[in-house]
Amino acid sequence: MVIVTIVFIVSFLPYLSLIAWRVVKRQNEAEFLSDAGLVLFKIGSRSWLLNYSHNPWLYGIFNSNFRQFSLDRCVGGDELGICITFI
């Protein structure tokens, strides 16, 4: 699952770099960033959360058992080709 590792690194790298920058700068970001910069900083500092939302999709797409189950249920599951969902 190399793709899972790549997505983790890409989603965690902005957070890591911004926190390291904050430690090196030794100031609160509100003191030296503009309003737009502060918004981007807040978004970047929460980028690690993207990994949690991407993981279910990645495992679902790249897992052959899940893919086969989806194809069986949604494409050839019944005569009309309607997806059968289980709750």
PDB file of N, CA and C in Angstrom:
ATOM      1  N   MET A   1       0.821  -1.196   0.000  1.00  0.00           N
ATOM      2  CA  MET A   1       0.000   0.000   0.000  1.00  0.00           C
ATOM      3  C   MET A   1       0.863   1.257   0.000  1.00  0.00           C
ATOM      4  N   VAL A   2       1.592   1.399  -1.053  1.00  0.00           N
ATOM      5  CA  VAL A   2       2.461   2.564  -1.198  1.00  0.00           C
ATOM      6  C   VAL A   2       1.638   3.842  -1.302  1.00  0.00           C
ATOM      7  N   ILE A   3       0.478   3.758  -1.938  1.00  0.00           N
ATOM      8  CA  ILE A   3      -0.350   4.952  -2.113  1.00  0.00           C
ATOM      9  C   ILE A   3      -0.837   5.492  -0.775  1.00  0.00           C
ATOM     10  N   VAL A   4      -1.111   4.623   0.177  1.00  0.00           N
ATOM     11  CA  VAL A   4      -1.542   5.065   1.511  1.00  0.00           C
ATOM     12  C   VAL A   4      -0.410   5.831   2.190  1.00  0.00           C
ATOM     13  N   THR A   5       0.801   5.343   2.043  1.00  0.00           N
ATOM     14  CA  THR A   5       1.963   6.022   2.615  1.00  0.00           C
ATOM     15  C   THR A   5       2.189   7.376   1.960  1.00  0.00           C
ATOM     16  N   ILE A   6       2.045   7.438   0.649  1.00  0.00           N
ATOM     17  CA  ILE A   6       2.231   8.703  -0.072  1.00  0.00           C
ATOM     18  C   ILE A   6       1.177   9.724   0.354  1.00  0.00           C
ATOM     19  N   VAL A   7      -0.069   9.299   0.462  1.00  0.00           N
ATOM     20  CA  VAL A   7      -1.130  10.216   0.887  1.00  0.00           C
ATOM     21  C   VAL A   7      -0.890  10.685   2.314  1.00  0.00           C
ATOM     22  N   PHE A   8      -0.408   9.804   3.176  1.00  0.00           N
ATOM     23  CA  PHE A   8      -0.098  10.208   4.546  1.00  0.00           C
ATOM     24  C   PHE A   8       0.992  11.271   4.557  1.00  0.00           C
ATOM     25  N   ILE A   9       2.050  11.061   3.798  1.00  0.00           N
ATOM     26  CA  ILE A   9       3.156  12.020   3.769  1.00  0.00           C
ATOM     27  C   ILE A   9       2.697  13.359   3.209  1.00  0.00           C
ATOM     28  N   VAL A  10       1.945  13.329   2.126  1.00  0.00           N
ATOM     29  CA  VAL A  10       1.474  14.575   1.503  1.00  0.00           C
ATOM     30  C   VAL A  10       0.520  15.324   2.423  1.00  0.00           C
ATOM     31  N   SER A  11      -0.310  14.608   3.163  1.00  0.00           N
ATOM     32  CA  SER A  11      -1.245  15.296   4.045  1.00  0.00           C
ATOM     33  C   SER A  11      -0.595  15.725   5.359  1.00  0.00           C
ATOM     34  N   PHE A  12       0.475  15.067   5.768  1.00  0.00           N
ATOM     35  CA  PHE A  12       1.120  15.411   7.037  1.00  0.00           C
ATOM     36  C   PHE A  12       2.230  16.441   6.876  1.00  0.00           C
ATOM     37  N   LEU A  13       2.815  16.535   5.691  1.00  0.00           N
ATOM     38  CA  LEU A  13       3.949  17.435   5.478  1.00  0.00           C
ATOM     39  C   LEU A  13       3.628  18.913   5.708  1.00  0.00           C
ATOM     40  N   PRO A  14       2.473  19.449   5.250  1.00  0.00           N
ATOM     41  CA  PRO A  14       2.182  20.857   5.572  1.00  0.00           C
ATOM     42  C   PRO A  14       2.100  21.122   7.070  1.00  0.00           C
ATOM     43  N   TYR A  15       1.474  20.213   7.797  1.00  0.00           N
ATOM     44  CA  TYR A  15       1.379  20.366   9.246  1.00  0.00           C
ATOM     45  C   TYR A  15       2.759  20.370   9.884  1.00  0.00           C
ATOM     46  N   LEU A  16       3.571  19.414   9.504  1.00  0.00           N
ATOM     47  CA  LEU A  16       4.905  19.298  10.083  1.00  0.00           C
ATOM     48  C   LEU A  16       5.753  20.528   9.791  1.00  0.00           C
ATOM     49  N   SER A  17       5.710  21.008   8.557  1.00  0.00           N
ATOM     50  CA  SER A  17       6.523  22.172   8.197  1.00  0.00           C
ATOM     51  C   SER A  17       6.034  23.442   8.892  1.00  0.00           C
ATOM     52  N   LEU A  18       4.727  23.602   9.025  1.00  0.00           N
ATOM     53  CA  LEU A  18       4.215  24.800   9.700  1.00  0.00           C
ATOM     54  C   LEU A  18       4.516  24.788  11.194  1.00  0.00           C
ATOM     55  N   ILE A  19       4.423  23.642  11.812  1.00  0.00           N
ATOM     56  CA  ILE A  19       4.736  23.565  13.245  1.00  0.00           C
ATOM     57  C   ILE A  19       6.234  23.777  13.473  1.00  0.00           C
ATOM     58  N   ALA A  20       7.061  23.227  12.602  1.00  0.00           N
ATOM     59  CA  ALA A  20       8.509  23.462  12.720  1.00  0.00           C
ATOM     60  C   ALA A  20       8.826  24.936  12.506  1.00  0.00           C
ATOM     61  N   TRP A  21       8.135  25.558  11.562  1.00  0.00           N
ATOM     62  CA  TRP A  21       8.345  26.988  11.305  1.00  0.00           C
ATOM     63  C   TRP A  21       7.927  27.810  12.517  1.00  0.00           C
ATOM     64  N   ARG A  22       6.845  27.415  13.174  1.00  0.00           N
ATOM     65  CA  ARG A  22       6.383  28.118  14.368  1.00  0.00           C
ATOM     66  C   ARG A  22       7.408  28.010  15.489  1.00  0.00           C
ATOM     67  N   VAL A  23       8.018  26.838  15.644  1.00  0.00           N
ATOM     68  CA  VAL A  23       9.023  26.633  16.695  1.00  0.00           C
ATOM     69  C   VAL A  23      10.262  27.468  16.414  1.00  0.00           C
ATOM     70  N   VAL A  24      10.703  27.517  15.156  1.00  0.00           N
ATOM     71  CA  VAL A  24      11.890  28.284  14.797  1.00  0.00           C
ATOM     72  C   VAL A  24      11.631  29.775  14.934  1.00  0.00           C
ATOM     73  N   LYS A  25      10.449  30.222  14.536  1.00  0.00           N
ATOM     74  CA  LYS A  25      10.111  31.647  14.583  1.00  0.00           C
ATOM     75  C   LYS A  25       9.933  32.137  16.018  1.00  0.00           C
ATOM     76  N   ARG A  26       9.486  31.280  16.913  1.00  0.00           N
ATOM     77  CA  ARG A  26       9.295  31.585  18.337  1.00  0.00           C
ATOM     78  C   ARG A  26       8.369  32.775  18.587  1.00  0.00           C
ATOM     79  N   GLN A  27       7.350  32.873  17.739  1.00  0.00           N
ATOM     80  CA  GLN A  27       6.327  33.894  17.919  1.00  0.00           C
ATOM     81  C   GLN A  27       4.981  33.263  17.627  1.00  0.00           C
ATOM     82  N   ASN A  28       3.955  33.930  18.106  1.00  0.00           N
ATOM     83  CA  ASN A  28       2.617  33.506  17.744  1.00  0.00           C
ATOM     84  C   ASN A  28       2.364  33.946  16.302  1.00  0.00           C
ATOM     85  N   GLU A  29       1.768  33.085  15.510  1.00  0.00           N
ATOM     86  CA  GLU A  29       1.578  33.396  14.093  1.00  0.00           C
ATOM     87  C   GLU A  29       0.673  34.601  13.873  1.00  0.00           C
ATOM     88  N   ALA A  30      -0.182  34.920  14.815  1.00  0.00           N
ATOM     89  CA  ALA A  30      -1.063  36.080  14.680  1.00  0.00           C
ATOM     90  C   ALA A  30      -0.274  37.393  14.719  1.00  0.00           C
ATOM     91  N   GLU A  31       0.930  37.364  15.253  1.00  0.00           N
ATOM     92  CA  GLU A  31       1.736  38.582  15.364  1.00  0.00           C
ATOM     93  C   GLU A  31       2.405  38.986  14.059  1.00  0.00           C
ATOM     94  N   PHE A  32       2.679  38.022  13.180  1.00  0.00           N
ATOM     95  CA  PHE A  32       3.442  38.377  11.985  1.00  0.00           C
ATOM     96  C   PHE A  32       2.780  37.961  10.672  1.00  0.00           C
ATOM     97  N   LEU A  33       1.619  37.316  10.719  1.00  0.00           N
ATOM     98  CA  LEU A  33       0.927  36.934   9.492  1.00  0.00           C
ATOM     99  C   LEU A  33      -0.255  37.861   9.233  1.00  0.00           C
ATOM    100  N   SER A  34      -0.536  38.072   7.957  1.00  0.00           N
ATOM    101  CA  SER A  34      -1.724  38.837   7.597  1.00  0.00           C
ATOM    102  C   SER A  34      -2.956  37.963   7.822  1.00  0.00           C
ATOM    103  N   ASP A  35      -4.124  38.527   7.585  1.00  0.00           N
ATOM    104  CA  ASP A  35      -5.349  37.758   7.782  1.00  0.00           C
ATOM    105  C   ASP A  35      -5.412  36.554   6.845  1.00  0.00           C
ATOM    106  N   ALA A  36      -5.067  36.760   5.576  1.00  0.00           N
ATOM    107  CA  ALA A  36      -5.074  35.657   4.606  1.00  0.00           C
ATOM    108  C   ALA A  36      -4.016  34.619   4.975  1.00  0.00           C
ATOM    109  N   GLY A  37      -2.858  35.084   5.397  1.00  0.00           N
ATOM    110  CA  GLY A  37      -1.807  34.162   5.814  1.00  0.00           C
ATOM    111  C   GLY A  37      -2.195  33.362   7.041  1.00  0.00           C
ATOM    112  N   LEU A  38      -2.921  33.995   7.931  1.00  0.00           N
ATOM    113  CA  LEU A  38      -3.377  33.310   9.143  1.00  0.00           C
ATOM    114  C   LEU A  38      -4.407  32.236   8.805  1.00  0.00           C
ATOM    115  N   VAL A  39      -5.280  32.535   7.858  1.00  0.00           N
ATOM    116  CA  VAL A  39      -6.265  31.533   7.422  1.00  0.00           C
ATOM    117  C   VAL A  39      -5.551  30.339   6.797  1.00  0.00           C
ATOM    118  N   LEU A  40      -4.576  30.598   5.923  1.00  0.00           N
ATOM    119  CA  LEU A  40      -3.824  29.515   5.299  1.00  0.00           C
ATOM    120  C   LEU A  40      -3.029  28.718   6.330  1.00  0.00           C
ATOM    121  N   PHE A  41      -2.508  29.403   7.324  1.00  0.00           N
ATOM    122  CA  PHE A  41      -1.793  28.708   8.392  1.00  0.00           C
ATOM    123  C   PHE A  41      -2.727  27.774   9.148  1.00  0.00           C
ATOM    124  N   LYS A  42      -3.917  28.243   9.458  1.00  0.00           N
ATOM    125  CA  LYS A  42      -4.878  27.403  10.193  1.00  0.00           C
ATOM    126  C   LYS A  42      -5.311  26.199   9.358  1.00  0.00           C
ATOM    127  N   ILE A  43      -5.507  26.401   8.059  1.00  0.00           N
ATOM    128  CA  ILE A  43      -5.866  25.277   7.187  1.00  0.00           C
ATOM    129  C   ILE A  43      -4.714  24.295   7.099  1.00  0.00           C
ATOM    130  N   GLY A  44      -3.494  24.800   6.902  1.00  0.00           N
ATOM    131  CA  GLY A  44      -2.329  23.930   6.813  1.00  0.00           C
ATOM    132  C   GLY A  44      -2.028  23.184   8.092  1.00  0.00           C
ATOM    133  N   SER A  45      -2.305  23.829   9.215  1.00  0.00           N
ATOM    134  CA  SER A  45      -2.027  23.165  10.489  1.00  0.00           C
ATOM    135  C   SER A  45      -3.039  22.068  10.812  1.00  0.00           C
ATOM    136  N   ARG A  46      -4.101  22.010  10.045  1.00  0.00           N
ATOM    137  CA  ARG A  46      -5.077  20.929  10.207  1.00  0.00           C
ATOM    138  C   ARG A  46      -5.077  19.960   9.035  1.00  0.00           C
ATOM    139  N   SER A  47      -4.060  20.041   8.201  1.00  0.00           N
ATOM    140  CA  SER A  47      -4.009  19.191   7.012  1.00  0.00           C
ATOM    141  C   SER A  47      -3.837  17.719   7.352  1.00  0.00           C
ATOM    142  N   TRP A  48      -3.320  17.406   8.513  1.00  0.00           N
ATOM    143  CA  TRP A  48      -3.145  16.009   8.895  1.00  0.00           C
ATOM    144  C   TRP A  48      -4.475  15.302   9.039  1.00  0.00           C
ATOM    145  N   LEU A  49      -5.551  16.046   9.235  1.00  0.00           N
ATOM    146  CA  LEU A  49      -6.878  15.438   9.344  1.00  0.00           C
ATOM    147  C   LEU A  49      -7.353  14.862   8.012  1.00  0.00           C
ATOM    148  N   LEU A  50      -6.805  15.343   6.910  1.00  0.00           N
ATOM    149  CA  LEU A  50      -7.181  14.807   5.603  1.00  0.00           C
ATOM    150  C   LEU A  50      -6.851  13.331   5.488  1.00  0.00           C
ATOM    151  N   ASN A  51      -5.800  12.911   6.139  1.00  0.00           N
ATOM    152  CA  ASN A  51      -5.421  11.508   6.084  1.00  0.00           C
ATOM    153  C   ASN A  51      -6.538  10.619   6.615  1.00  0.00           C
ATOM    154  N   TYR A  52      -7.204  11.051   7.671  1.00  0.00           N
ATOM    155  CA  TYR A  52      -8.283  10.252   8.250  1.00  0.00           C
ATOM    156  C   TYR A  52      -9.485  10.158   7.321  1.00  0.00           C
ATOM    157  N   SER A  53      -9.719  11.181   6.531  1.00  0.00           N
ATOM    158  CA  SER A  53     -10.847  11.114   5.607  1.00  0.00           C
ATOM    159  C   SER A  53     -10.491  10.379   4.317  1.00  0.00           C
ATOM    160  N   HIS A  54      -9.218  10.347   3.952  1.00  0.00           N
ATOM    161  CA  HIS A  54      -8.809   9.661   2.729  1.00  0.00           C
ATOM    162  C   HIS A  54      -8.595   8.162   2.924  1.00  0.00           C
ATOM    163  N   ASN A  55      -8.231   7.740   4.106  1.00  0.00           N
ATOM    164  CA  ASN A  55      -7.927   6.332   4.341  1.00  0.00           C
ATOM    165  C   ASN A  55      -9.068   5.374   3.992  1.00  0.00           C
ATOM    166  N   PRO A  56     -10.298   5.624   4.411  1.00  0.00           N
ATOM    167  CA  PRO A  56     -11.357   4.682   4.032  1.00  0.00           C
ATOM    168  C   PRO A  56     -11.540   4.571   2.522  1.00  0.00           C
ATOM    169  N   TRP A  57     -11.413   5.684   1.825  1.00  0.00           N
ATOM    170  CA  TRP A  57     -11.546   5.662   0.371  1.00  0.00           C
ATOM    171  C   TRP A  57     -10.404   4.885  -0.269  1.00  0.00           C
ATOM    172  N   LEU A  58      -9.202   5.124   0.205  1.00  0.00           N
ATOM    173  CA  LEU A  58      -8.053   4.436  -0.390  1.00  0.00           C
ATOM    174  C   LEU A  58      -8.110   2.938  -0.163  1.00  0.00           C
ATOM    175  N   TYR A  59      -8.414   2.543   1.062  1.00  0.00           N
ATOM    176  CA  TYR A  59      -8.514   1.115   1.331  1.00  0.00           C
ATOM    177  C   TYR A  59      -9.661   0.496   0.547  1.00  0.00           C
ATOM    178  N   GLY A  60     -10.743   1.230   0.398  1.00  0.00           N
ATOM    179  CA  GLY A  60     -11.868   0.725  -0.370  1.00  0.00           C
ATOM    180  C   GLY A  60     -11.568   0.584  -1.847  1.00  0.00           C
ATOM    181  N   ILE A  61     -10.847   1.528  -2.405  1.00  0.00           N
ATOM    182  CA  ILE A  61     -10.535   1.493  -3.827  1.00  0.00           C
ATOM    183  C   ILE A  61      -9.464   0.447  -4.130  1.00  0.00           C
ATOM    184  N   PHE A  62      -8.442   0.376  -3.316  1.00  0.00           N
ATOM    185  CA  PHE A  62      -7.314  -0.491  -3.621  1.00  0.00           C
ATOM    186  C   PHE A  62      -7.419  -1.897  -3.027  1.00  0.00           C
ATOM    187  N   ASN A  63      -8.457  -2.167  -2.261  1.00  0.00           N
ATOM    188  CA  ASN A  63      -8.663  -3.500  -1.719  1.00  0.00           C
ATOM    189  C   ASN A  63      -9.462  -4.317  -2.734  1.00  0.00           C
ATOM    190  N   SER A  64      -8.888  -5.382  -3.246  1.00  0.00           N
ATOM    191  CA  SER A  64      -9.534  -6.148  -4.309  1.00  0.00           C
ATOM    192  C   SER A  64     -10.819  -6.828  -3.825  1.00  0.00           C
ATOM    193  N   ASN A  65     -10.873  -7.247  -2.578  1.00  0.00           N
ATOM    194  CA  ASN A  65     -12.100  -7.862  -2.057  1.00  0.00           C
ATOM    195  C   ASN A  65     -13.256  -6.864  -2.036  1.00  0.00           C
ATOM    196  N   PHE A  66     -12.977  -5.649  -1.590  1.00  0.00           N
ATOM    197  CA  PHE A  66     -14.007  -4.619  -1.569  1.00  0.00           C
ATOM    198  C   PHE A  66     -14.444  -4.262  -2.982  1.00  0.00           C
ATOM    199  N   ARG A  67     -13.502  -4.137  -3.867  1.00  0.00           N
ATOM    200  CA  ARG A  67     -13.803  -3.784  -5.255  1.00  0.00           C
ATOM    201  C   ARG A  67     -14.676  -4.858  -5.897  1.00  0.00           C
ATOM    202  N   GLN A  68     -14.351  -6.116  -5.679  1.00  0.00           N
ATOM    203  CA  GLN A  68     -15.147  -7.203  -6.254  1.00  0.00           C
ATOM    204  C   GLN A  68     -16.554  -7.226  -5.662  1.00  0.00           C
ATOM    205  N   PHE A  69     -16.660  -7.016  -4.367  1.00  0.00           N
ATOM    206  CA  PHE A  69     -17.967  -6.963  -3.718  1.00  0.00           C
ATOM    207  C   PHE A  69     -18.817  -5.844  -4.319  1.00  0.00           C
ATOM    208  N   SER A  70     -18.220  -4.671  -4.511  1.00  0.00           N
ATOM    209  CA  SER A  70     -18.946  -3.532  -5.075  1.00  0.00           C
ATOM    210  C   SER A  70     -19.390  -3.818  -6.495  1.00  0.00           C
ATOM    211  N   LEU A  71     -18.513  -4.405  -7.294  1.00  0.00           N
ATOM    212  CA  LEU A  71     -18.878  -4.721  -8.669  1.00  0.00           C
ATOM    213  C   LEU A  71     -19.990  -5.760  -8.730  1.00  0.00           C
ATOM    214  N   ASP A  72     -19.925  -6.761  -7.861  1.00  0.00           N
ATOM    215  CA  ASP A  72     -20.972  -7.782  -7.833  1.00  0.00           C
ATOM    216  C   ASP A  72     -22.320  -7.193  -7.445  1.00  0.00           C
ATOM    217  N   ARG A  73     -22.313  -6.316  -6.456  1.00  0.00           N
ATOM    218  CA  ARG A  73     -23.567  -5.762  -5.949  1.00  0.00           C
ATOM    219  C   ARG A  73     -24.116  -4.643  -6.830  1.00  0.00           C
ATOM    220  N   CYS A  74     -23.257  -3.793  -7.365  1.00  0.00           N
ATOM    221  CA  CYS A  74     -23.738  -2.613  -8.082  1.00  0.00           C
ATOM    222  C   CYS A  74     -23.886  -2.839  -9.581  1.00  0.00           C
ATOM    223  N   VAL A  75     -23.038  -3.626 -10.184  1.00  0.00           N
ATOM    224  CA  VAL A  75     -23.093  -3.800 -11.631  1.00  0.00           C
ATOM    225  C   VAL A  75     -23.945  -5.004 -12.003  1.00  0.00           C
ATOM    226  N   GLY A  76     -23.720  -6.129 -11.372  1.00  0.00           N
ATOM    227  CA  GLY A  76     -24.460  -7.322 -11.738  1.00  0.00           C
ATOM    228  C   GLY A  76     -25.296  -7.871 -10.618  1.00  0.00           C
ATOM    229  N   GLY A  77     -25.654  -7.032  -9.651  1.00  0.00           N
ATOM    230  CA  GLY A  77     -26.359  -7.506  -8.470  1.00  0.00           C
ATOM    231  C   GLY A  77     -27.774  -7.959  -8.727  1.00  0.00           C
ATOM    232  N   ASP A  78     -28.472  -7.299  -9.616  1.00  0.00           N
ATOM    233  CA  ASP A  78     -29.816  -7.734  -9.975  1.00  0.00           C
ATOM    234  C   ASP A  78     -30.065  -7.412 -11.440  1.00  0.00           C
ATOM    235  N   GLU A  79     -31.258  -7.718 -11.914  1.00  0.00           N
ATOM    236  CA  GLU A  79     -31.549  -7.547 -13.333  1.00  0.00           C
ATOM    237  C   GLU A  79     -31.532  -6.089 -13.765  1.00  0.00           C
ATOM    238  N   LEU A  80     -31.876  -5.171 -12.867  1.00  0.00           N
ATOM    239  CA  LEU A  80     -31.940  -3.762 -13.231  1.00  0.00           C
ATOM    240  C   LEU A  80     -30.606  -3.045 -13.101  1.00  0.00           C
ATOM    241  N   GLY A  81     -29.634  -3.683 -12.499  1.00  0.00           N
ATOM    242  CA  GLY A  81     -28.331  -3.060 -12.304  1.00  0.00           C
ATOM    243  C   GLY A  81     -28.316  -2.028 -11.198  1.00  0.00           C
ATOM    244  N   ILE A  82     -29.269  -2.114 -10.303  1.00  0.00           N
ATOM    245  CA  ILE A  82     -29.368  -1.155  -9.204  1.00  0.00           C
ATOM    246  C   ILE A  82     -28.492  -1.634  -8.058  1.00  0.00           C
ATOM    247  N   CYS A  83     -27.829  -0.692  -7.400  1.00  0.00           N
ATOM    248  CA  CYS A  83     -26.955  -1.049  -6.285  1.00  0.00           C
ATOM    249  C   CYS A  83     -27.778  -1.584  -5.115  1.00  0.00           C
ATOM    250  N   ILE A  84     -27.337  -2.693  -4.560  1.00  0.00           N
ATOM    251  CA  ILE A  84     -27.944  -3.252  -3.365  1.00  0.00           C
ATOM    252  C   ILE A  84     -27.078  -2.821  -2.194  1.00  0.00           C
ATOM    253  N   THR A  85     -27.652  -2.115  -1.261  1.00  0.00           N
ATOM    254  CA  THR A  85     -26.883  -1.648  -0.109  1.00  0.00           C
ATOM    255  C   THR A  85     -27.362  -2.348   1.146  1.00  0.00           C
ATOM    256  N   PHE A  86     -26.447  -2.564   2.047  1.00  0.00           N
ATOM    257  CA  PHE A  86     -26.742  -3.178   3.334  1.00  0.00           C
ATOM    258  C   PHE A  86     -26.472  -2.155   4.418  1.00  0.00           C
ATOM    259  N   ILE A  87     -27.403  -2.040   5.336  1.00  0.00           N
ATOM    260  CA  ILE A  87     -27.230  -1.085   6.433  1.00  0.00           C
ATOM    261  C   ILE A  87     -26.966  -1.845   7.700  1.00  0.00           C
TER     262      ILE A  87
END
